[in-house]
Amino acid sequence: QVQLVEFGGGLVQAGGSLRLSCAASGRPFSTYAMGWFRQAPGKERELVAAISGFGTTKNADSVKGRFTISRDNAKNTVYLQMNSLKPEDTALYYCAARRLTGVAVSASEYDYWGQGTQVTVSS
């Protein structure tokens, strides 16, 4: 089993920044693709950003230029730096891990999930 725990959510004003962290345990981490997803009330879970086991990244169009995903394999941790936050970014953010190395855009392709951390952006 792989366990994922997210940290860093909170309340921030529009234009502000937050950094989310996801700590992984239970299995080797360095080869896993990792992703950040978010889900707002009444909306489907959607990919925010993903990073492969080799460091290749992919971002949703809605967050390009504002969010950056990164990983620190020595710490078994993946990060999501969120800048220039908008009210539309308000959602429950989930960390996900995929046993394969390549990134995937669909939530169904990921094998392990964290419990989620709430991000609320006020206008």
Protein backbone atom coordinates (compact mmCIF):
# COMPACT_ATOMS: atom_id res chain seq x y z
CA GLN A 1 0.00 0.00 0.00
CA VAL A 2 0.98 3.60 -0.68
CA GLN A 3 -0.24 6.36 1.59
CA LEU A 4 -0.48 9.98 0.49
CA VAL A 5 -1.05 12.94 2.79
CA GLU A 6 -1.59 16.51 1.56
CA PHE A 7 -0.66 19.68 3.41
CA GLY A 8 -0.84 23.38 2.74
CA GLY A 9 -4.43 24.16 1.87
CA GLY A 10 -6.15 27.19 3.29
CA LEU A 11 -7.90 30.48 2.65
CA VAL A 12 -6.21 33.09 0.49
CA GLN A 13 -7.23 36.26 -1.30
CA ALA A 14 -7.32 36.43 -5.07
CA GLY A 15 -3.86 37.12 -6.42
CA GLY A 16 -2.18 35.37 -3.53
CA SER A 17 -0.14 32.19 -3.38
CA LEU A 18 -0.18 28.82 -1.68
CA ARG A 19 2.10 25.81 -1.80
CA LEU A 20 0.63 22.35 -1.43
CA SER A 21 2.74 19.40 -0.35
CA CYS A 22 2.06 15.69 -0.68
CA ALA A 23 4.08 13.21 1.34
CA ALA A 24 4.18 9.61 0.13
CA SER A 25 5.03 6.49 2.09
CA GLY A 26 4.82 2.72 1.78
CA ARG A 27 6.54 2.06 -1.55
CA PRO A 28 9.32 3.44 -3.73
CA PHE A 29 8.37 6.91 -4.88
CA SER A 30 10.92 8.02 -7.43
CA THR A 31 9.53 6.06 -10.39
CA TYR A 32 5.87 6.90 -9.82
CA ALA A 33 4.08 9.51 -11.84
CA MET A 34 2.34 11.98 -9.54
CA GLY A 35 -0.59 14.26 -10.08
CA TRP A 36 -2.61 17.00 -8.47
CA PHE A 37 -6.35 16.97 -9.08
CA ARG A 38 -9.09 19.24 -7.84
CA GLN A 39 -12.81 18.96 -7.42
CA ALA A 40 -15.21 21.82 -6.84
CA PRO A 41 -18.79 21.30 -5.62
CA GLY A 42 -20.94 19.99 -8.45
CA LYS A 43 -17.94 19.55 -10.73
CA GLU A 44 -15.97 16.55 -11.91
CA ARG A 45 -12.52 15.86 -10.60
CA GLU A 46 -10.01 17.39 -13.00
CA LEU A 47 -6.28 17.27 -13.48
CA VAL A 48 -4.37 20.34 -12.35
CA ALA A 49 -0.82 19.20 -13.00
CA ALA A 50 1.19 16.01 -13.26
CA ILE A 51 4.84 15.02 -13.17
CA SER A 52 6.37 11.81 -14.50
CA GLY A 53 8.92 9.59 -12.82
CA PHE A 54 11.51 11.34 -14.99
CA GLY A 55 10.44 14.89 -14.14
CA THR A 56 8.39 15.68 -17.23
CA THR A 57 5.44 17.91 -16.33
CA LYS A 58 2.01 18.64 -17.69
CA ASN A 59 -0.35 21.41 -16.63
CA ALA A 60 -3.99 22.04 -17.28
CA ASP A 61 -4.57 24.99 -19.59
CA SER A 62 -6.43 26.82 -16.85
CA VAL A 63 -3.35 26.95 -14.60
CA LYS A 64 -0.49 27.29 -17.07
CA GLY A 65 1.77 30.14 -16.11
CA ARG A 66 0.42 30.19 -12.57
CA PHE A 67 0.95 26.73 -11.05
CA THR A 68 4.11 24.66 -10.94
CA ILE A 69 4.40 21.01 -9.97
CA SER A 70 7.70 19.64 -8.70
CA ARG A 71 9.02 16.67 -6.78
CA ASP A 72 11.76 15.94 -4.29
CA ASN A 73 12.43 12.22 -4.44
CA ALA A 74 14.80 12.34 -1.47
CA LYS A 75 11.87 13.54 0.64
CA ASN A 76 9.21 11.41 -1.08
CA THR A 77 7.28 14.60 -1.61
CA VAL A 78 5.54 16.33 -4.50
CA TYR A 79 4.63 20.03 -4.45
CA LEU A 80 2.19 22.31 -6.16
CA GLN A 81 3.16 25.97 -6.10
CA MET A 82 0.08 28.06 -6.83
CA ASN A 83 0.49 31.72 -7.71
CA SER A 84 -1.95 34.38 -8.90
CA LEU A 85 -4.82 32.45 -7.42
CA LYS A 86 -8.33 33.09 -8.66
CA PRO A 87 -11.71 32.39 -7.05
CA GLU A 88 -12.23 29.78 -9.77
CA ASP A 89 -9.35 27.80 -8.23
CA THR A 90 -11.42 27.12 -5.13
CA ALA A 91 -11.72 23.35 -4.75
CA LEU A 92 -10.67 20.31 -2.79
CA TYR A 93 -7.20 19.42 -4.04
CA TYR A 94 -6.07 15.80 -4.15
CA CYS A 95 -2.66 14.26 -4.53
CA ALA A 96 -2.52 11.08 -6.61
CA ALA A 97 0.14 8.52 -7.47
CA ARG A 98 0.43 6.28 -10.51
CA ARG A 99 2.57 3.16 -10.44
CA LEU A 100 3.64 3.74 -14.03
CA THR A 101 6.22 6.38 -14.86
CA GLY A 102 4.31 8.34 -17.49
CA VAL A 103 1.86 11.10 -16.69
CA ALA A 104 -1.84 10.60 -17.25
CA VAL A 105 -4.65 13.14 -17.42
CA SER A 106 -7.50 10.91 -16.27
CA ALA A 107 -8.14 10.29 -12.59
CA SER A 108 -8.96 6.67 -13.37
CA GLU A 109 -5.34 6.05 -14.37
CA TYR A 110 -4.02 6.79 -10.89
CA ASP A 111 -3.71 4.10 -8.26
CA TYR A 112 -3.43 5.91 -4.92
CA TRP A 113 -5.08 9.01 -3.52
CA GLY A 114 -4.71 11.33 -0.60
CA GLN A 115 -7.59 12.59 1.49
CA GLY A 116 -7.63 16.04 -0.07
CA THR A 117 -6.88 19.53 1.18
CA GLN A 118 -9.22 22.48 0.79
CA VAL A 119 -8.14 25.58 -1.10
CA THR A 120 -10.46 28.57 -0.92
CA VAL A 121 -9.75 31.77 -2.83
CA SER A 122 -11.76 34.84 -1.91
CA SER A 123 -12.43 37.74 -4.26
